[in-house]
Amino acid sequence: IGLPFWGRGYATEAAVAMVGYGFNELGLN
């Protein structure tokens, strides 16, 4: 995440979405 955007929740929101995609769409364990 670019420095000007730190502390705004972008990383957490993106991580939660990517984890959901990994488990639900890609079938990861």
mmCIF file of all heavy atoms, coordinates in Angstrom:
data_MODEL
# 
_entry.id   MODEL 
# 
loop_
_atom_site.group_PDB 
_atom_site.id 
_atom_site.type_symbol 
_atom_site.label_atom_id 
_atom_site.label_alt_id 
_atom_site.label_comp_id 
_atom_site.label_asym_id 
_atom_site.label_entity_id 
_atom_site.label_seq_id 
_atom_site.pdbx_PDB_ins_code 
_atom_site.Cartn_x 
_atom_site.Cartn_y 
_atom_site.Cartn_z 
_atom_site.occupancy 
_atom_site.B_iso_or_equiv 
_atom_site.pdbx_formal_charge 
_atom_site.auth_seq_id 
_atom_site.auth_comp_id 
_atom_site.auth_asym_id 
_atom_site.auth_atom_id 
_atom_site.pdbx_PDB_model_num 
ATOM 1   N N   . ILE A 1 1  ? 0.868   -1.183  0.000  1.00 0.00 ? 1  ILE A N   1 
ATOM 2   C CA  . ILE A 1 1  ? 0.000   0.000   0.000  1.00 0.00 ? 1  ILE A CA  1 
ATOM 3   C C   . ILE A 1 1  ? 0.900   1.226   0.000  1.00 0.00 ? 1  ILE A C   1 
ATOM 4   O O   . ILE A 1 1  ? 1.848   1.308   0.786  1.00 0.00 ? 1  ILE A O   1 
ATOM 5   C CB  . ILE A 1 1  ? -0.942  0.022   1.230  1.00 0.00 ? 1  ILE A CB  1 
ATOM 6   C CG1 . ILE A 1 1  ? -1.828  -1.229  1.267  1.00 0.00 ? 1  ILE A CG1 1 
ATOM 7   C CG2 . ILE A 1 1  ? -1.778  1.294   1.254  1.00 0.00 ? 1  ILE A CG2 1 
ATOM 8   C CD1 . ILE A 1 1  ? -2.813  -1.371  0.127  1.00 0.00 ? 1  ILE A CD1 1 
ATOM 9   N N   . GLY A 1 2  ? 0.600   2.177   -0.872 1.00 0.00 ? 2  GLY A N   1 
ATOM 10  C CA  . GLY A 1 2  ? 1.385   3.401   -0.953 1.00 0.00 ? 2  GLY A CA  1 
ATOM 11  C C   . GLY A 1 2  ? 1.331   4.196   0.346  1.00 0.00 ? 2  GLY A C   1 
ATOM 12  O O   . GLY A 1 2  ? 0.279   4.279   0.998  1.00 0.00 ? 2  GLY A O   1 
ATOM 13  N N   . LEU A 1 3  ? 2.449   4.776   0.719  1.00 0.00 ? 3  LEU A N   1 
ATOM 14  C CA  . LEU A 1 3  ? 2.582   5.514   1.979  1.00 0.00 ? 3  LEU A CA  1 
ATOM 15  C C   . LEU A 1 3  ? 1.460   6.523   2.239  1.00 0.00 ? 3  LEU A C   1 
ATOM 16  O O   . LEU A 1 3  ? 0.944   6.584   3.355  1.00 0.00 ? 3  LEU A O   1 
ATOM 17  C CB  . LEU A 1 3  ? 3.955   6.202   2.033  1.00 0.00 ? 3  LEU A CB  1 
ATOM 18  C CG  . LEU A 1 3  ? 4.289   6.977   3.300  1.00 0.00 ? 3  LEU A CG  1 
ATOM 19  C CD1 . LEU A 1 3  ? 4.266   6.076   4.518  1.00 0.00 ? 3  LEU A CD1 1 
ATOM 20  C CD2 . LEU A 1 3  ? 5.664   7.622   3.165  1.00 0.00 ? 3  LEU A CD2 1 
ATOM 21  N N   . PRO A 1 4  ? 1.020   7.305   1.253  1.00 0.00 ? 4  PRO A N   1 
ATOM 22  C CA  . PRO A 1 4  ? -0.053  8.273   1.541  1.00 0.00 ? 4  PRO A CA  1 
ATOM 23  C C   . PRO A 1 4  ? -1.374  7.628   1.964  1.00 0.00 ? 4  PRO A C   1 
ATOM 24  O O   . PRO A 1 4  ? -2.254  8.296   2.492  1.00 0.00 ? 4  PRO A O   1 
ATOM 25  C CB  . PRO A 1 4  ? -0.244  9.021   0.211  1.00 0.00 ? 4  PRO A CB  1 
ATOM 26  C CG  . PRO A 1 4  ? 0.982   8.764   -0.575 1.00 0.00 ? 4  PRO A CG  1 
ATOM 27  C CD  . PRO A 1 4  ? 1.506   7.439   -0.123 1.00 0.00 ? 4  PRO A CD  1 
ATOM 28  N N   . PHE A 1 5  ? -1.496  6.305   1.752  1.00 0.00 ? 5  PHE A N   1 
ATOM 29  C CA  . PHE A 1 5  ? -2.757  5.620   2.034  1.00 0.00 ? 5  PHE A CA  1 
ATOM 30  C C   . PHE A 1 5  ? -2.685  4.702   3.258  1.00 0.00 ? 5  PHE A C   1 
ATOM 31  O O   . PHE A 1 5  ? -3.630  3.979   3.551  1.00 0.00 ? 5  PHE A O   1 
ATOM 32  C CB  . PHE A 1 5  ? -3.182  4.818   0.793  1.00 0.00 ? 5  PHE A CB  1 
ATOM 33  C CG  . PHE A 1 5  ? -3.272  5.655   -0.435 1.00 0.00 ? 5  PHE A CG  1 
ATOM 34  C CD1 . PHE A 1 5  ? -2.263  5.641   -1.383 1.00 0.00 ? 5  PHE A CD1 1 
ATOM 35  C CD2 . PHE A 1 5  ? -4.349  6.503   -0.641 1.00 0.00 ? 5  PHE A CD2 1 
ATOM 36  C CE1 . PHE A 1 5  ? -2.330  6.421   -2.519 1.00 0.00 ? 5  PHE A CE1 1 
ATOM 37  C CE2 . PHE A 1 5  ? -4.425  7.292   -1.767 1.00 0.00 ? 5  PHE A CE2 1 
ATOM 38  C CZ  . PHE A 1 5  ? -3.417  7.263   -2.711 1.00 0.00 ? 5  PHE A CZ  1 
ATOM 39  N N   . TRP A 1 6  ? -1.559  4.717   3.957  1.00 0.00 ? 6  TRP A N   1 
ATOM 40  C CA  . TRP A 1 6  ? -1.407  3.882   5.149  1.00 0.00 ? 6  TRP A CA  1 
ATOM 41  C C   . TRP A 1 6  ? -2.423  4.283   6.220  1.00 0.00 ? 6  TRP A C   1 
ATOM 42  O O   . TRP A 1 6  ? -2.795  5.450   6.345  1.00 0.00 ? 6  TRP A O   1 
ATOM 43  C CB  . TRP A 1 6  ? -0.008  4.021   5.726  1.00 0.00 ? 6  TRP A CB  1 
ATOM 44  C CG  . TRP A 1 6  ? 1.072   3.351   4.931  1.00 0.00 ? 6  TRP A CG  1 
ATOM 45  C CD1 . TRP A 1 6  ? 0.954   2.751   3.714  1.00 0.00 ? 6  TRP A CD1 1 
ATOM 46  C CD2 . TRP A 1 6  ? 2.438   3.239   5.299  1.00 0.00 ? 6  TRP A CD2 1 
ATOM 47  N NE1 . TRP A 1 6  ? 2.167   2.279   3.300  1.00 0.00 ? 6  TRP A NE1 1 
ATOM 48  C CE2 . TRP A 1 6  ? 3.109   2.560   4.249  1.00 0.00 ? 6  TRP A CE2 1 
ATOM 49  C CE3 . TRP A 1 6  ? 3.166   3.652   6.398  1.00 0.00 ? 6  TRP A CE3 1 
ATOM 50  C CZ2 . TRP A 1 6  ? 4.460   2.278   4.290  1.00 0.00 ? 6  TRP A CZ2 1 
ATOM 51  C CZ3 . TRP A 1 6  ? 4.522   3.377   6.435  1.00 0.00 ? 6  TRP A CZ3 1 
ATOM 52  C CH2 . TRP A 1 6  ? 5.155   2.688   5.390  1.00 0.00 ? 6  TRP A CH2 1 
ATOM 53  N N   . GLY A 1 7  ? -2.852  3.310   7.008  1.00 0.00 ? 7  GLY A N   1 
ATOM 54  C CA  . GLY A 1 7  ? -3.717  3.569   8.150  1.00 0.00 ? 7  GLY A CA  1 
ATOM 55  C C   . GLY A 1 7  ? -5.173  3.823   7.806  1.00 0.00 ? 7  GLY A C   1 
ATOM 56  O O   . GLY A 1 7  ? -5.944  4.250   8.658  1.00 0.00 ? 7  GLY A O   1 
ATOM 57  N N   . ARG A 1 8  ? -5.572  3.552   6.592  1.00 0.00 ? 8  ARG A N   1 
ATOM 58  C CA  . ARG A 1 8  ? -6.951  3.802   6.167  1.00 0.00 ? 8  ARG A CA  1 
ATOM 59  C C   . ARG A 1 8  ? -7.764  2.530   5.959  1.00 0.00 ? 8  ARG A C   1 
ATOM 60  O O   . ARG A 1 8  ? -8.896  2.588   5.495  1.00 0.00 ? 8  ARG A O   1 
ATOM 61  C CB  . ARG A 1 8  ? -6.962  4.626   4.880  1.00 0.00 ? 8  ARG A CB  1 
ATOM 62  C CG  . ARG A 1 8  ? -6.325  5.982   5.034  1.00 0.00 ? 8  ARG A CG  1 
ATOM 63  C CD  . ARG A 1 8  ? -6.511  6.787   3.781  1.00 0.00 ? 8  ARG A CD  1 
ATOM 64  N NE  . ARG A 1 8  ? -5.735  8.020   3.800  1.00 0.00 ? 8  ARG A NE  1 
ATOM 65  C CZ  . ARG A 1 8  ? -5.726  8.872   2.809  1.00 0.00 ? 8  ARG A CZ  1 
ATOM 66  N NH1 . ARG A 1 8  ? -6.453  8.658   1.727  1.00 0.00 ? 8  ARG A NH1 1 
ATOM 67  N NH2 . ARG A 1 8  ? -4.990  9.966   2.890  1.00 0.00 ? 8  ARG A NH2 1 
ATOM 68  N N   . GLY A 1 9  ? -7.171  1.373   6.253  1.00 0.00 ? 9  GLY A N   1 
ATOM 69  C CA  . GLY A 1 9  ? -7.892  0.109   6.143  1.00 0.00 ? 9  GLY A CA  1 
ATOM 70  C C   . GLY A 1 9  ? -7.849  -0.555  4.778  1.00 0.00 ? 9  GLY A C   1 
ATOM 71  O O   . GLY A 1 9  ? -8.464  -1.604  4.584  1.00 0.00 ? 9  GLY A O   1 
ATOM 72  N N   . TYR A 1 10 ? -7.132  0.030   3.833  1.00 0.00 ? 10 TYR A N   1 
ATOM 73  C CA  . TYR A 1 10 ? -7.086  -0.547  2.487  1.00 0.00 ? 10 TYR A CA  1 
ATOM 74  C C   . TYR A 1 10 ? -6.467  -1.945  2.496  1.00 0.00 ? 10 TYR A C   1 
ATOM 75  O O   . TYR A 1 10 ? -6.965  -2.853  1.825  1.00 0.00 ? 10 TYR A O   1 
ATOM 76  C CB  . TYR A 1 10 ? -6.298  0.343   1.521  1.00 0.00 ? 10 TYR A CB  1 
ATOM 77  C CG  . TYR A 1 10 ? -6.971  1.636   1.187  1.00 0.00 ? 10 TYR A CG  1 
ATOM 78  C CD1 . TYR A 1 10 ? -6.438  2.851   1.609  1.00 0.00 ? 10 TYR A CD1 1 
ATOM 79  C CD2 . TYR A 1 10 ? -8.143  1.663   0.425  1.00 0.00 ? 10 TYR A CD2 1 
ATOM 80  C CE1 . TYR A 1 10 ? -7.050  4.054   1.293  1.00 0.00 ? 10 TYR A CE1 1 
ATOM 81  C CE2 . TYR A 1 10 ? -8.764  2.859   0.101  1.00 0.00 ? 10 TYR A CE2 1 
ATOM 82  C CZ  . TYR A 1 10 ? -8.212  4.056   0.534  1.00 0.00 ? 10 TYR A CZ  1 
ATOM 83  O OH  . TYR A 1 10 ? -8.812  5.238   0.217  1.00 0.00 ? 10 TYR A OH  1 
ATOM 84  N N   . ALA A 1 11 ? -5.372  -2.129  3.203  1.00 0.00 ? 11 ALA A N   1 
ATOM 85  C CA  . ALA A 1 11 ? -4.692  -3.424  3.217  1.00 0.00 ? 11 ALA A CA  1 
ATOM 86  C C   . ALA A 1 11 ? -5.584  -4.494  3.833  1.00 0.00 ? 11 ALA A C   1 
ATOM 87  O O   . ALA A 1 11 ? -5.689  -5.608  3.293  1.00 0.00 ? 11 ALA A O   1 
ATOM 88  C CB  . ALA A 1 11 ? -3.361  -3.328  3.962  1.00 0.00 ? 11 ALA A CB  1 
ATOM 89  N N   . THR A 1 12 ? -6.234  -4.174  4.932  1.00 0.00 ? 12 THR A N   1 
ATOM 90  C CA  . THR A 1 12 ? -7.112  -5.146  5.584  1.00 0.00 ? 12 THR A CA  1 
ATOM 91  C C   . THR A 1 12 ? -8.282  -5.513  4.680  1.00 0.00 ? 12 THR A C   1 
ATOM 92  O O   . THR A 1 12 ? -8.601  -6.698  4.508  1.00 0.00 ? 12 THR A O   1 
ATOM 93  C CB  . THR A 1 12 ? -7.623  -4.598  6.926  1.00 0.00 ? 12 THR A CB  1 
ATOM 94  O OG1 . THR A 1 12 ? -6.507  -4.322  7.771  1.00 0.00 ? 12 THR A OG1 1 
ATOM 95  C CG2 . THR A 1 12 ? -8.549  -5.590  7.602  1.00 0.00 ? 12 THR A CG2 1 
ATOM 96  N N   . GLU A 1 13 ? -8.907  -4.516  4.090  1.00 0.00 ? 13 GLU A N   1 
ATOM 97  C CA  . GLU A 1 13 ? -10.044 -4.775  3.198  1.00 0.00 ? 13 GLU A CA  1 
ATOM 98  C C   . GLU A 1 13 ? -9.622  -5.645  2.013  1.00 0.00 ? 13 GLU A C   1 
ATOM 99  O O   . GLU A 1 13 ? -10.315 -6.598  1.649  1.00 0.00 ? 13 GLU A O   1 
ATOM 100 C CB  . GLU A 1 13 ? -10.631 -3.454  2.698  1.00 0.00 ? 13 GLU A CB  1 
ATOM 101 C CG  . GLU A 1 13 ? -11.858 -3.623  1.830  1.00 0.00 ? 13 GLU A CG  1 
ATOM 102 C CD  . GLU A 1 13 ? -12.464 -2.316  1.368  1.00 0.00 ? 13 GLU A CD  1 
ATOM 103 O OE1 . GLU A 1 13 ? -12.044 -1.238  1.837  1.00 0.00 ? 13 GLU A OE1 1 
ATOM 104 O OE2 . GLU A 1 13 ? -13.371 -2.386  0.517  1.00 0.00 ? 13 GLU A OE2 1 
ATOM 105 N N   . ALA A 1 14 ? -8.482  -5.332  1.424  1.00 0.00 ? 14 ALA A N   1 
ATOM 106 C CA  . ALA A 1 14 ? -7.990  -6.109  0.285  1.00 0.00 ? 14 ALA A CA  1 
ATOM 107 C C   . ALA A 1 14 ? -7.617  -7.522  0.711  1.00 0.00 ? 14 ALA A C   1 
ATOM 108 O O   . ALA A 1 14 ? -7.902  -8.493  -0.010 1.00 0.00 ? 14 ALA A O   1 
ATOM 109 C CB  . ALA A 1 14 ? -6.796  -5.396  -0.356 1.00 0.00 ? 14 ALA A CB  1 
ATOM 110 N N   . ALA A 1 15 ? -6.979  -7.670  1.872  1.00 0.00 ? 15 ALA A N   1 
ATOM 111 C CA  . ALA A 1 15 ? -6.576  -8.993  2.351  1.00 0.00 ? 15 ALA A CA  1 
ATOM 112 C C   . ALA A 1 15 ? -7.798  -9.868  2.621  1.00 0.00 ? 15 ALA A C   1 
ATOM 113 O O   . ALA A 1 15 ? -7.823  -11.042 2.229  1.00 0.00 ? 15 ALA A O   1 
ATOM 114 C CB  . ALA A 1 15 ? -5.715  -8.872  3.604  1.00 0.00 ? 15 ALA A CB  1 
ATOM 115 N N   . VAL A 1 16 ? -8.808  -9.320  3.269  1.00 0.00 ? 16 VAL A N   1 
ATOM 116 C CA  . VAL A 1 16 ? -10.029 -10.080 3.551  1.00 0.00 ? 16 VAL A CA  1 
ATOM 117 C C   . VAL A 1 16 ? -10.683 -10.529 2.241  1.00 0.00 ? 16 VAL A C   1 
ATOM 118 O O   . VAL A 1 16 ? -11.098 -11.689 2.102  1.00 0.00 ? 16 VAL A O   1 
ATOM 119 C CB  . VAL A 1 16 ? -11.003 -9.248  4.416  1.00 0.00 ? 16 VAL A CB  1 
ATOM 120 C CG1 . VAL A 1 16 ? -12.382 -9.888  4.460  1.00 0.00 ? 16 VAL A CG1 1 
ATOM 121 C CG2 . VAL A 1 16 ? -10.445 -9.076  5.825  1.00 0.00 ? 16 VAL A CG2 1 
ATOM 122 N N   . ALA A 1 17 ? -10.748 -9.640  1.264  1.00 0.00 ? 17 ALA A N   1 
ATOM 123 C CA  . ALA A 1 17 ? -11.349 -9.983  -0.027 1.00 0.00 ? 17 ALA A CA  1 
ATOM 124 C C   . ALA A 1 17 ? -10.535 -11.065 -0.743 1.00 0.00 ? 17 ALA A C   1 
ATOM 125 O O   . ALA A 1 17 ? -11.102 -12.008 -1.305 1.00 0.00 ? 17 ALA A O   1 
ATOM 126 C CB  . ALA A 1 17 ? -11.464 -8.734  -0.902 1.00 0.00 ? 17 ALA A CB  1 
ATOM 127 N N   . MET A 1 18 ? -9.217  -10.950 -0.710 1.00 0.00 ? 18 MET A N   1 
ATOM 128 C CA  . MET A 1 18 ? -8.370  -11.917 -1.399 1.00 0.00 ? 18 MET A CA  1 
ATOM 129 C C   . MET A 1 18 ? -8.434  -13.278 -0.721 1.00 0.00 ? 18 MET A C   1 
ATOM 130 O O   . MET A 1 18 ? -8.454  -14.309 -1.391 1.00 0.00 ? 18 MET A O   1 
ATOM 131 C CB  . MET A 1 18 ? -6.937  -11.407 -1.471 1.00 0.00 ? 18 MET A CB  1 
ATOM 132 C CG  . MET A 1 18 ? -6.057  -12.206 -2.401 1.00 0.00 ? 18 MET A CG  1 
ATOM 133 S SD  . MET A 1 18 ? -6.554  -12.138 -4.137 1.00 0.00 ? 18 MET A SD  1 
ATOM 134 C CE  . MET A 1 18 ? -5.368  -10.952 -4.750 1.00 0.00 ? 18 MET A CE  1 
ATOM 135 N N   . VAL A 1 19 ? -8.496  -13.305 0.601  1.00 0.00 ? 19 VAL A N   1 
ATOM 136 C CA  . VAL A 1 19 ? -8.637  -14.567 1.325  1.00 0.00 ? 19 VAL A CA  1 
ATOM 137 C C   . VAL A 1 19 ? -9.959  -15.241 0.943  1.00 0.00 ? 19 VAL A C   1 
ATOM 138 O O   . VAL A 1 19 ? -9.998  -16.440 0.652  1.00 0.00 ? 19 VAL A O   1 
ATOM 139 C CB  . VAL A 1 19 ? -8.542  -14.343 2.854  1.00 0.00 ? 19 VAL A CB  1 
ATOM 140 C CG1 . VAL A 1 19 ? -9.049  -15.554 3.624  1.00 0.00 ? 19 VAL A CG1 1 
ATOM 141 C CG2 . VAL A 1 19 ? -7.104  -14.017 3.246  1.00 0.00 ? 19 VAL A CG2 1 
ATOM 142 N N   . GLY A 1 20 ? -11.032 -14.475 0.927  1.00 0.00 ? 20 GLY A N   1 
ATOM 143 C CA  . GLY A 1 20 ? -12.326 -15.019 0.516  1.00 0.00 ? 20 GLY A CA  1 
ATOM 144 C C   . GLY A 1 20 ? -12.288 -15.586 -0.890 1.00 0.00 ? 20 GLY A C   1 
ATOM 145 O O   . GLY A 1 20 ? -12.811 -16.677 -1.160 1.00 0.00 ? 20 GLY A O   1 
ATOM 146 N N   . TYR A 1 21 ? -11.654 -14.868 -1.806 1.00 0.00 ? 21 TYR A N   1 
ATOM 147 C CA  . TYR A 1 21 ? -11.519 -15.329 -3.179 1.00 0.00 ? 21 TYR A CA  1 
ATOM 148 C C   . TYR A 1 21 ? -10.691 -16.623 -3.234 1.00 0.00 ? 21 TYR A C   1 
ATOM 149 O O   . TYR A 1 21 ? -11.051 -17.563 -3.942 1.00 0.00 ? 21 TYR A O   1 
ATOM 150 C CB  . TYR A 1 21 ? -10.877 -14.240 -4.038 1.00 0.00 ? 21 TYR A CB  1 
ATOM 151 C CG  . TYR A 1 21 ? -10.783 -14.607 -5.489 1.00 0.00 ? 21 TYR A CG  1 
ATOM 152 C CD1 . TYR A 1 21 ? -11.901 -14.527 -6.324 1.00 0.00 ? 21 TYR A CD1 1 
ATOM 153 C CD2 . TYR A 1 21 ? -9.585  -15.056 -6.038 1.00 0.00 ? 21 TYR A CD2 1 
ATOM 154 C CE1 . TYR A 1 21 ? -11.822 -14.879 -7.655 1.00 0.00 ? 21 TYR A CE1 1 
ATOM 155 C CE2 . TYR A 1 21 ? -9.498  -15.415 -7.369 1.00 0.00 ? 21 TYR A CE2 1 
ATOM 156 C CZ  . TYR A 1 21 ? -10.620 -15.323 -8.180 1.00 0.00 ? 21 TYR A CZ  1 
ATOM 157 O OH  . TYR A 1 21 ? -10.536 -15.685 -9.493 1.00 0.00 ? 21 TYR A OH  1 
ATOM 158 N N   . GLY A 1 22 ? -9.599  -16.640 -2.483 1.00 0.00 ? 22 GLY A N   1 
ATOM 159 C CA  . GLY A 1 22 ? -8.742  -17.823 -2.479 1.00 0.00 ? 22 GLY A CA  1 
ATOM 160 C C   . GLY A 1 22 ? -9.457  -19.073 -2.006 1.00 0.00 ? 22 GLY A C   1 
ATOM 161 O O   . GLY A 1 22 ? -9.315  -20.150 -2.600 1.00 0.00 ? 22 GLY A O   1 
ATOM 162 N N   . PHE A 1 23 ? -10.245 -18.947 -0.957 1.00 0.00 ? 23 PHE A N   1 
ATOM 163 C CA  . PHE A 1 23 ? -10.957 -20.106 -0.432 1.00 0.00 ? 23 PHE A CA  1 
ATOM 164 C C   . PHE A 1 23 ? -12.196 -20.441 -1.260 1.00 0.00 ? 23 PHE A C   1 
ATOM 165 O O   . PHE A 1 23 ? -12.416 -21.595 -1.615 1.00 0.00 ? 23 PHE A O   1 
ATOM 166 C CB  . PHE A 1 23 ? -11.359 -19.881 1.030  1.00 0.00 ? 23 PHE A CB  1 
ATOM 167 C CG  . PHE A 1 23 ? -10.195 -19.880 1.986  1.00 0.00 ? 23 PHE A CG  1 
ATOM 168 C CD1 . PHE A 1 23 ? -10.152 -18.988 3.033  1.00 0.00 ? 23 PHE A CD1 1 
ATOM 169 C CD2 . PHE A 1 23 ? -9.139  -20.764 1.837  1.00 0.00 ? 23 PHE A CD2 1 
ATOM 170 C CE1 . PHE A 1 23 ? -9.089  -18.980 3.926  1.00 0.00 ? 23 PHE A CE1 1 
ATOM 171 C CE2 . PHE A 1 23 ? -8.067  -20.771 2.726  1.00 0.00 ? 23 PHE A CE2 1 
ATOM 172 C CZ  . PHE A 1 23 ? -8.046  -19.869 3.770  1.00 0.00 ? 23 PHE A CZ  1 
ATOM 173 N N   . ASN A 1 24 ? -13.004 -19.433 -1.572 1.00 0.00 ? 24 ASN A N   1 
ATOM 174 C CA  . ASN A 1 24 ? -14.299 -19.678 -2.212 1.00 0.00 ? 24 ASN A CA  1 
ATOM 175 C C   . ASN A 1 24 ? -14.232 -19.905 -3.714 1.00 0.00 ? 24 ASN A C   1 
ATOM 176 O O   . ASN A 1 24 ? -15.006 -20.699 -4.248 1.00 0.00 ? 24 ASN A O   1 
ATOM 177 C CB  . ASN A 1 24 ? -15.256 -18.530 -1.906 1.00 0.00 ? 24 ASN A CB  1 
ATOM 178 C CG  . ASN A 1 24 ? -15.491 -18.369 -0.424 1.00 0.00 ? 24 ASN A CG  1 
ATOM 179 O OD1 . ASN A 1 24 ? -15.551 -19.350 0.309  1.00 0.00 ? 24 ASN A OD1 1 
ATOM 180 N ND2 . ASN A 1 24 ? -15.594 -17.137 0.030  1.00 0.00 ? 24 ASN A ND2 1 
ATOM 181 N N   . GLU A 1 25 ? -13.349 -19.216 -4.393 1.00 0.00 ? 25 GLU A N   1 
ATOM 182 C CA  . GLU A 1 25 ? -13.282 -19.335 -5.852 1.00 0.00 ? 25 GLU A CA  1 
ATOM 183 C C   . GLU A 1 25 ? -12.155 -20.236 -6.334 1.00 0.00 ? 25 GLU A C   1 
ATOM 184 O O   . GLU A 1 25 ? -12.302 -20.926 -7.337 1.00 0.00 ? 25 GLU A O   1 
ATOM 185 C CB  . GLU A 1 25 ? -13.127 -17.943 -6.494 1.00 0.00 ? 25 GLU A CB  1 
ATOM 186 C CG  . GLU A 1 25 ? -14.246 -16.968 -6.138 1.00 0.00 ? 25 GLU A CG  1 
ATOM 187 C CD  . GLU A 1 25 ? -15.623 -17.461 -6.558 1.00 0.00 ? 25 GLU A CD  1 
ATOM 188 O OE1 . GLU A 1 25 ? -15.753 -18.090 -7.630 1.00 0.00 ? 25 GLU A OE1 1 
ATOM 189 O OE2 . GLU A 1 25 ? -16.586 -17.216 -5.804 1.00 0.00 ? 25 GLU A OE2 1 
ATOM 190 N N   . LEU A 1 26 ? -11.025 -20.214 -5.641 1.00 0.00 ? 26 LEU A N   1 
ATOM 191 C CA  . LEU A 1 26 ? -9.868  -20.998 -6.078 1.00 0.00 ? 26 LEU A CA  1 
ATOM 192 C C   . LEU A 1 26 ? -9.757  -22.341 -5.377 1.00 0.00 ? 26 LEU A C   1 
ATOM 193 O O   . LEU A 1 26 ? -8.949  -23.175 -5.756 1.00 0.00 ? 26 LEU A O   1 
ATOM 194 C CB  . LEU A 1 26 ? -8.576  -20.195 -5.868 1.00 0.00 ? 26 LEU A CB  1 
ATOM 195 C CG  . LEU A 1 26 ? -8.487  -18.873 -6.625 1.00 0.00 ? 26 LEU A CG  1 
ATOM 196 C CD1 . LEU A 1 26 ? -7.186  -18.155 -6.284 1.00 0.00 ? 26 LEU A CD1 1 
ATOM 197 C CD2 . LEU A 1 26 ? -8.600  -19.101 -8.134 1.00 0.00 ? 26 LEU A CD2 1 
ATOM 198 N N   . GLY A 1 27 ? -10.551 -22.553 -4.332 1.00 0.00 ? 27 GLY A N   1 
ATOM 199 C CA  . GLY A 1 27 ? -10.545 -23.833 -3.634 1.00 0.00 ? 27 GLY A CA  1 
ATOM 200 C C   . GLY A 1 27 ? -9.311  -24.098 -2.798 1.00 0.00 ? 27 GLY A C   1 
ATOM 201 O O   . GLY A 1 27 ? -8.971  -25.254 -2.531 1.00 0.00 ? 27 GLY A O   1 
ATOM 202 N N   . LEU A 1 28 ? -8.649  -23.034 -2.346 1.00 0.00 ? 28 LEU A N   1 
ATOM 203 C CA  . LEU A 1 28 ? -7.445  -23.209 -1.540 1.00 0.00 ? 28 LEU A CA  1 
ATOM 204 C C   . LEU A 1 28 ? -7.791  -23.738 -0.151 1.00 0.00 ? 28 LEU A C   1 
ATOM 205 O O   . LEU A 1 28 ? -8.897  -23.531 0.353  1.00 0.00 ? 28 LEU A O   1 
ATOM 206 C CB  . LEU A 1 28 ? -6.696  -21.884 -1.407 1.00 0.00 ? 28 LEU A CB  1 
ATOM 207 C CG  . LEU A 1 28 ? -6.208  -21.266 -2.719 1.00 0.00 ? 28 LEU A CG  1 
ATOM 208 C CD1 . LEU A 1 28 ? -5.602  -19.896 -2.455 1.00 0.00 ? 28 LEU A CD1 1 
ATOM 209 C CD2 . LEU A 1 28 ? -5.217  -22.188 -3.415 1.00 0.00 ? 28 LEU A CD2 1 
ATOM 210 N N   . ASN A 1 29 ? -6.814  -24.376 0.479  1.00 0.00 ? 29 ASN A N   1 
ATOM 211 C CA  . ASN A 1 29 ? -6.960  -24.845 1.859  1.00 0.00 ? 29 ASN A CA  1 
ATOM 212 C C   . ASN A 1 29 ? -6.189  -23.976 2.834  1.00 0.00 ? 29 ASN A C   1 
ATOM 213 O O   . ASN A 1 29 ? -6.563  -23.883 4.003  1.00 0.00 ? 29 ASN A O   1 
ATOM 214 C CB  . ASN A 1 29 ? -6.467  -26.290 1.982  1.00 0.00 ? 29 ASN A CB  1 
ATOM 215 C CG  . ASN A 1 29 ? -6.634  -26.822 3.386  1.00 0.00 ? 29 ASN A CG  1 
ATOM 216 O OD1 . ASN A 1 29 ? -7.747  -26.911 3.890  1.00 0.00 ? 29 ASN A OD1 1 
ATOM 217 N ND2 . ASN A 1 29 ? -5.531  -27.150 4.033  1.00 0.00 ? 29 ASN A ND2 1 
# 
